């Protein structure tokens, strides 16, 4: 059943690389605040070391993870096997948001393909790695990545995406400011 690891092993790195989808969870400190969980796709996840990961975060309708990380740093990433042998992998840690204006942006951004609509990079230092059986996760056949978000960003253009971020991405649903709020 559940197994704990003190780092992301080679085998777990291979498992992560084979997944087409992962989930990101975060929460504010307030007991009345909303827990957020977001699915992520495209070629946007990187393992930086056995204790550090990063993902390219694209513009979306909210920016909850970034607000939560600014407030308390807590983050959980989850991978599920939807094909092949069953497995669930959770990476627990502390994260931070890297904006394009950050001094270390280029060193992180160079690890990813350029994707229109890129908003920020989330970097997480992992302090707990846990697997569980995944026997209840259904089997799904992968058909491909959706291009709708990329197409949306290309159609909006750089200024249109920035205007959208200013309107939708500077405050969380619980009223927490995001790092992007400092840019507008």
C-alpha atoms as a PDB file:
ATOM      1  CA  UNK A   1       0.000   0.000   0.000  1.00  0.00           C
ATOM      2  CA  UNK A   2       1.395   3.448   0.882  1.00  0.00           C
ATOM      3  CA  UNK A   3       5.168   3.856   0.807  1.00  0.00           C
ATOM      4  CA  UNK A   4       7.238   6.835   1.922  1.00  0.00           C
ATOM      5  CA  UNK A   5      10.459   7.977   0.286  1.00  0.00           C
ATOM      6  CA  UNK A   6      12.920  10.651   1.343  1.00  0.00           C
ATOM      7  CA  UNK A   7      13.398  11.791  -2.268  1.00  0.00           C
ATOM      8  CA  UNK A   8      12.086  11.306  -5.800  1.00  0.00           C
ATOM      9  CA  UNK A   9      13.744   8.047  -6.802  1.00  0.00           C
ATOM     10  CA  UNK A  10      14.871   7.188 -10.331  1.00  0.00           C
ATOM     11  CA  UNK A  11      11.873   4.861 -10.714  1.00  0.00           C
ATOM     12  CA  UNK A  12       9.471   7.588  -9.578  1.00  0.00           C
ATOM     13  CA  UNK A  13      11.112  10.072 -11.943  1.00  0.00           C
ATOM     14  CA  UNK A  14      10.436   7.630 -14.791  1.00  0.00           C
ATOM     15  CA  UNK A  15       6.823   7.281 -13.646  1.00  0.00           C
ATOM     16  CA  UNK A  16       6.401  11.086 -13.622  1.00  0.00           C
ATOM     17  CA  UNK A  17       7.924  11.397 -17.094  1.00  0.00           C
ATOM     18  CA  UNK A  18       5.377   8.907 -18.473  1.00  0.00           C
ATOM     19  CA  UNK A  19       2.335  10.837 -17.175  1.00  0.00           C
ATOM     20  CA  UNK A  20       0.396  13.266 -19.375  1.00  0.00           C
ATOM     21  CA  UNK A  21      -1.471  14.885 -16.502  1.00  0.00           C
ATOM     22  CA  UNK A  22      -0.754  15.968 -12.947  1.00  0.00           C
ATOM     23  CA  UNK A  23      -2.680  17.787 -10.239  1.00  0.00           C
ATOM     24  CA  UNK A  24      -1.594  20.684  -8.021  1.00  0.00           C
ATOM     25  CA  UNK A  25      -3.214  21.333  -4.636  1.00  0.00           C
ATOM     26  CA  UNK A  26      -2.793  24.256  -2.259  1.00  0.00           C
ATOM     27  CA  UNK A  27      -4.798  26.016   0.435  1.00  0.00           C
ATOM     28  CA  UNK A  28      -4.840  29.287   2.345  1.00  0.00           C
ATOM     29  CA  UNK A  29      -4.226  29.377   6.081  1.00  0.00           C
ATOM     30  CA  UNK A  30      -7.757  30.527   6.841  1.00  0.00           C
ATOM     31  CA  UNK A  31     -10.075  27.669   7.855  1.00  0.00           C
ATOM     32  CA  UNK A  32     -12.775  29.425   5.817  1.00  0.00           C
ATOM     33  CA  UNK A  33     -10.573  29.632   2.724  1.00  0.00           C
ATOM     34  CA  UNK A  34     -10.964  27.388  -0.287  1.00  0.00           C
ATOM     35  CA  UNK A  35      -8.681  24.440  -0.977  1.00  0.00           C
ATOM     36  CA  UNK A  36      -7.638  24.535  -4.624  1.00  0.00           C
ATOM     37  CA  UNK A  37      -6.797  21.638  -6.904  1.00  0.00           C
ATOM     38  CA  UNK A  38      -5.896  22.147 -10.551  1.00  0.00           C
ATOM     39  CA  UNK A  39      -5.144  19.659 -13.328  1.00  0.00           C
ATOM     40  CA  UNK A  40      -2.127  20.439 -15.511  1.00  0.00           C
ATOM     41  CA  UNK A  41      -1.105  19.103 -18.906  1.00  0.00           C
ATOM     42  CA  UNK A  42       1.145  19.996 -21.837  1.00  0.00           C
ATOM     43  CA  UNK A  43       4.932  19.672 -21.586  1.00  0.00           C
ATOM     44  CA  UNK A  44       5.213  21.799 -18.458  1.00  0.00           C
ATOM     45  CA  UNK A  45       6.676  19.677 -15.623  1.00  0.00           C
ATOM     46  CA  UNK A  46      10.366  19.250 -14.802  1.00  0.00           C
ATOM     47  CA  UNK A  47      12.259  17.387 -12.090  1.00  0.00           C
ATOM     48  CA  UNK A  48      15.181  19.611 -11.111  1.00  0.00           C
ATOM     49  CA  UNK A  49      16.667  17.259  -8.518  1.00  0.00           C
ATOM     50  CA  UNK A  50      15.484  14.400  -6.272  1.00  0.00           C
ATOM     51  CA  UNK A  51      14.151  17.131  -3.932  1.00  0.00           C
ATOM     52  CA  UNK A  52      13.018  19.894  -6.298  1.00  0.00           C
ATOM     53  CA  UNK A  53      10.497  20.181  -9.130  1.00  0.00           C
ATOM     54  CA  UNK A  54       9.082  22.983 -11.273  1.00  0.00           C
ATOM     55  CA  UNK A  55       6.200  23.510 -13.616  1.00  0.00           C
ATOM     56  CA  UNK A  56       5.407  26.131 -16.196  1.00  0.00           C
ATOM     57  CA  UNK A  57       2.144  27.760 -15.148  1.00  0.00           C
ATOM     58  CA  UNK A  58      -0.106  29.051 -17.902  1.00  0.00           C
ATOM     59  CA  UNK A  59      -2.656  31.846 -17.662  1.00  0.00           C
ATOM     60  CA  UNK A  60      -5.968  30.605 -16.330  1.00  0.00           C
ATOM     61  CA  UNK A  61      -9.216  31.860 -14.885  1.00  0.00           C
ATOM     62  CA  UNK A  62      -7.692  32.086 -11.404  1.00  0.00           C
ATOM     63  CA  UNK A  63      -4.310  32.128  -9.716  1.00  0.00           C
ATOM     64  CA  UNK A  64      -5.012  30.346  -6.440  1.00  0.00           C
ATOM     65  CA  UNK A  65      -1.790  28.327  -6.177  1.00  0.00           C
ATOM     66  CA  UNK A  66       0.350  31.426  -6.523  1.00  0.00           C
ATOM     67  CA  UNK A  67      -1.652  33.287  -3.860  1.00  0.00           C
ATOM     68  CA  UNK A  68      -1.441  30.332  -1.463  1.00  0.00           C
ATOM     69  CA  UNK A  69       2.296  29.910  -2.017  1.00  0.00           C
ATOM     70  CA  UNK A  70       2.867  33.586  -1.303  1.00  0.00           C
ATOM     71  CA  UNK A  71       0.888  33.254   1.933  1.00  0.00           C
ATOM     72  CA  UNK A  72       2.184  29.926   3.272  1.00  0.00           C
ATOM     73  CA  UNK A  73       4.217  28.002   0.687  1.00  0.00           C
ATOM     74  CA  UNK A  74       2.359  24.684   1.038  1.00  0.00           C
ATOM     75  CA  UNK A  75       1.902  22.645  -2.129  1.00  0.00           C
ATOM     76  CA  UNK A  76       1.082  19.065  -3.091  1.00  0.00           C
ATOM     77  CA  UNK A  77       1.523  17.601  -6.570  1.00  0.00           C
ATOM     78  CA  UNK A  78      -0.195  14.350  -7.515  1.00  0.00           C
ATOM     79  CA  UNK A  79       0.345  11.953 -10.394  1.00  0.00           C
ATOM     80  CA  UNK A  80      -1.961   9.004 -11.175  1.00  0.00           C
ATOM     81  CA  UNK A  81      -1.388   6.094 -13.517  1.00  0.00           C
ATOM     82  CA  UNK A  82      -4.328   6.026 -15.918  1.00  0.00           C
ATOM     83  CA  UNK A  83      -2.566   3.451 -18.111  1.00  0.00           C
ATOM     84  CA  UNK A  84      -0.478   0.419 -17.146  1.00  0.00           C
ATOM     85  CA  UNK A  85       0.188  -0.626 -13.577  1.00  0.00           C
ATOM     86  CA  UNK A  86      -1.792   1.297 -10.937  1.00  0.00           C
ATOM     87  CA  UNK A  87       0.017   3.912  -8.844  1.00  0.00           C
ATOM     88  CA  UNK A  88      -0.609   7.267  -7.205  1.00  0.00           C
ATOM     89  CA  UNK A  89       2.351   9.513  -6.370  1.00  0.00           C
ATOM     90  CA  UNK A  90       2.164  12.597  -4.176  1.00  0.00           C
ATOM     91  CA  UNK A  91       4.953  15.138  -3.771  1.00  0.00           C
ATOM     92  CA  UNK A  92       4.594  17.380  -0.714  1.00  0.00           C
ATOM     93  CA  UNK A  93       6.623  20.503  -0.199  1.00  0.00           C
ATOM     94  CA  UNK A  94       7.052  24.240  -0.098  1.00  0.00           C
ATOM     95  CA  UNK A  95       6.780  26.236  -3.269  1.00  0.00           C
ATOM     96  CA  UNK A  96       7.408  29.665  -4.664  1.00  0.00           C
ATOM     97  CA  UNK A  97       6.289  31.598  -7.703  1.00  0.00           C
ATOM     98  CA  UNK A  98       8.898  32.751 -10.211  1.00  0.00           C
ATOM     99  CA  UNK A  99       7.694  35.641 -12.381  1.00  0.00           C
ATOM    100  CA  UNK A 100       9.198  36.699 -15.715  1.00  0.00           C
ATOM    101  CA  UNK A 101      10.619  39.761 -13.908  1.00  0.00           C
ATOM    102  CA  UNK A 102      12.468  37.554 -11.373  1.00  0.00           C
ATOM    103  CA  UNK A 103      16.278  37.458 -11.669  1.00  0.00           C
ATOM    104  CA  UNK A 104      16.260  33.637 -11.943  1.00  0.00           C
ATOM    105  CA  UNK A 105      13.457  33.479 -14.550  1.00  0.00           C
ATOM    106  CA  UNK A 106      15.744  32.715 -17.499  1.00  0.00           C
ATOM    107  CA  UNK A 107      17.477  29.808 -15.771  1.00  0.00           C
ATOM    108  CA  UNK A 108      14.119  28.128 -15.074  1.00  0.00           C
ATOM    109  CA  UNK A 109      12.287  29.163 -18.245  1.00  0.00           C
ATOM    110  CA  UNK A 110      15.047  27.712 -20.444  1.00  0.00           C
ATOM    111  CA  UNK A 111      14.048  24.234 -19.174  1.00  0.00           C
ATOM    112  CA  UNK A 112      10.645  24.434 -20.904  1.00  0.00           C
ATOM    113  CA  UNK A 113       9.387  24.833 -24.441  1.00  0.00           C
ATOM    114  CA  UNK A 114       7.956  28.298 -25.095  1.00  0.00           C
ATOM    115  CA  UNK A 115       4.180  28.064 -24.680  1.00  0.00           C
ATOM    116  CA  UNK A 116       1.942  31.075 -25.414  1.00  0.00           C
ATOM    117  CA  UNK A 117       0.155  32.269 -22.307  1.00  0.00           C
ATOM    118  CA  UNK A 118       2.964  31.360 -19.903  1.00  0.00           C
ATOM    119  CA  UNK A 119       2.246  33.267 -16.701  1.00  0.00           C
ATOM    120  CA  UNK A 120       4.847  32.122 -14.165  1.00  0.00           C
ATOM    121  CA  UNK A 121       6.859  29.140 -12.997  1.00  0.00           C
ATOM    122  CA  UNK A 122       6.123  27.308  -9.773  1.00  0.00           C
ATOM    123  CA  UNK A 123       9.182  25.771  -8.087  1.00  0.00           C
ATOM    124  CA  UNK A 124       8.700  23.371  -5.175  1.00  0.00           C
ATOM    125  CA  UNK A 125      11.187  21.951  -2.710  1.00  0.00           C
ATOM    126  CA  UNK A 126       9.909  18.470  -1.917  1.00  0.00           C
ATOM    127  CA  UNK A 127      10.136  17.184   1.668  1.00  0.00           C
ATOM    128  CA  UNK A 128       7.819  14.160   1.463  1.00  0.00           C
ATOM    129  CA  UNK A 129       7.327  11.646  -1.344  1.00  0.00           C
ATOM    130  CA  UNK A 130       4.538   9.107  -0.984  1.00  0.00           C
ATOM    131  CA  UNK A 131       3.028   6.465  -3.222  1.00  0.00           C
ATOM    132  CA  UNK A 132      -0.218   4.597  -2.799  1.00  0.00           C
ATOM    133  CA  UNK A 133      -1.774   1.726  -4.693  1.00  0.00           C
ATOM    134  CA  UNK A 134      -4.047   3.508  -7.143  1.00  0.00           C
ATOM    135  CA  UNK A 135      -6.199   0.399  -7.494  1.00  0.00           C
ATOM    136  CA  UNK A 136      -9.358   2.505  -7.630  1.00  0.00           C
ATOM    137  CA  UNK A 137      -8.122   4.833 -10.393  1.00  0.00           C
ATOM    138  CA  UNK A 138      -9.847   3.990 -13.690  1.00  0.00           C
ATOM    139  CA  UNK A 139      -7.990   3.171 -16.888  1.00  0.00           C
ATOM    140  CA  UNK A 140      -8.081   5.849 -19.591  1.00  0.00           C
ATOM    141  CA  UNK A 141      -6.546   5.876 -23.020  1.00  0.00           C
ATOM    142  CA  UNK A 142      -4.477   8.965 -23.799  1.00  0.00           C
ATOM    143  CA  UNK A 143      -5.555  10.723 -26.998  1.00  0.00           C
ATOM    144  CA  UNK A 144      -3.423  13.862 -26.911  1.00  0.00           C
ATOM    145  CA  UNK A 145      -3.073  17.280 -25.356  1.00  0.00           C
ATOM    146  CA  UNK A 146      -5.725  19.929 -25.868  1.00  0.00           C
ATOM    147  CA  UNK A 147      -4.554  23.018 -27.744  1.00  0.00           C
ATOM    148  CA  UNK A 148      -7.434  25.287 -26.679  1.00  0.00           C
ATOM    149  CA  UNK A 149      -5.471  27.218 -24.019  1.00  0.00           C
ATOM    150  CA  UNK A 150      -2.527  27.805 -26.334  1.00  0.00           C
ATOM    151  CA  UNK A 151      -4.883  28.871 -29.154  1.00  0.00           C
ATOM    152  CA  UNK A 152      -6.717  31.219 -26.753  1.00  0.00           C
ATOM    153  CA  UNK A 153      -3.439  32.890 -25.697  1.00  0.00           C
ATOM    154  CA  UNK A 154      -2.251  33.242 -29.299  1.00  0.00           C
ATOM    155  CA  UNK A 155      -5.574  34.810 -30.317  1.00  0.00           C
ATOM    156  CA  UNK A 156      -5.560  37.253 -27.379  1.00  0.00           C
ATOM    157  CA  UNK A 157      -1.953  38.293 -28.005  1.00  0.00           C
ATOM    158  CA  UNK A 158       0.538  39.462 -25.395  1.00  0.00           C
ATOM    159  CA  UNK A 159      -1.380  42.619 -24.435  1.00  0.00           C
ATOM    160  CA  UNK A 160      -4.723  40.815 -24.335  1.00  0.00           C
ATOM    161  CA  UNK A 161      -3.321  38.096 -22.049  1.00  0.00           C
ATOM    162  CA  UNK A 162      -1.772  40.747 -19.782  1.00  0.00           C
ATOM    163  CA  UNK A 163      -5.096  42.583 -19.600  1.00  0.00           C
ATOM    164  CA  UNK A 164      -6.825  39.299 -18.701  1.00  0.00           C
ATOM    165  CA  UNK A 165      -4.268  38.576 -15.968  1.00  0.00           C
ATOM    166  CA  UNK A 166      -4.754  42.043 -14.520  1.00  0.00           C
ATOM    167  CA  UNK A 167      -8.498  41.402 -14.361  1.00  0.00           C
ATOM    168  CA  UNK A 168      -8.510  37.732 -13.199  1.00  0.00           C
ATOM    169  CA  UNK A 169      -5.117  36.762 -11.722  1.00  0.00           C
ATOM    170  CA  UNK A 170      -4.036  39.341  -9.124  1.00  0.00           C
ATOM    171  CA  UNK A 171      -6.332  38.273  -6.257  1.00  0.00           C
ATOM    172  CA  UNK A 172      -7.450  34.793  -5.182  1.00  0.00           C
ATOM    173  CA  UNK A 173     -11.084  33.843  -4.678  1.00  0.00           C
ATOM    174  CA  UNK A 174     -10.466  34.350  -0.935  1.00  0.00           C
ATOM    175  CA  UNK A 175      -9.016  37.859  -1.426  1.00  0.00           C
ATOM    176  CA  UNK A 176      -5.323  36.967  -1.133  1.00  0.00           C
ATOM    177  CA  UNK A 177      -3.013  38.928  -3.417  1.00  0.00           C
ATOM    178  CA  UNK A 178      -0.818  37.030  -5.861  1.00  0.00           C
ATOM    179  CA  UNK A 179       2.740  37.871  -6.862  1.00  0.00           C
ATOM    180  CA  UNK A 180       1.315  39.176 -10.175  1.00  0.00           C
ATOM    181  CA  UNK A 181      -0.435  41.972  -8.245  1.00  0.00           C
ATOM    182  CA  UNK A 182       2.956  43.676  -7.850  1.00  0.00           C
ATOM    183  CA  UNK A 183       3.270  43.995 -11.628  1.00  0.00           C
ATOM    184  CA  UNK A 184       0.037  45.903 -12.239  1.00  0.00           C
END
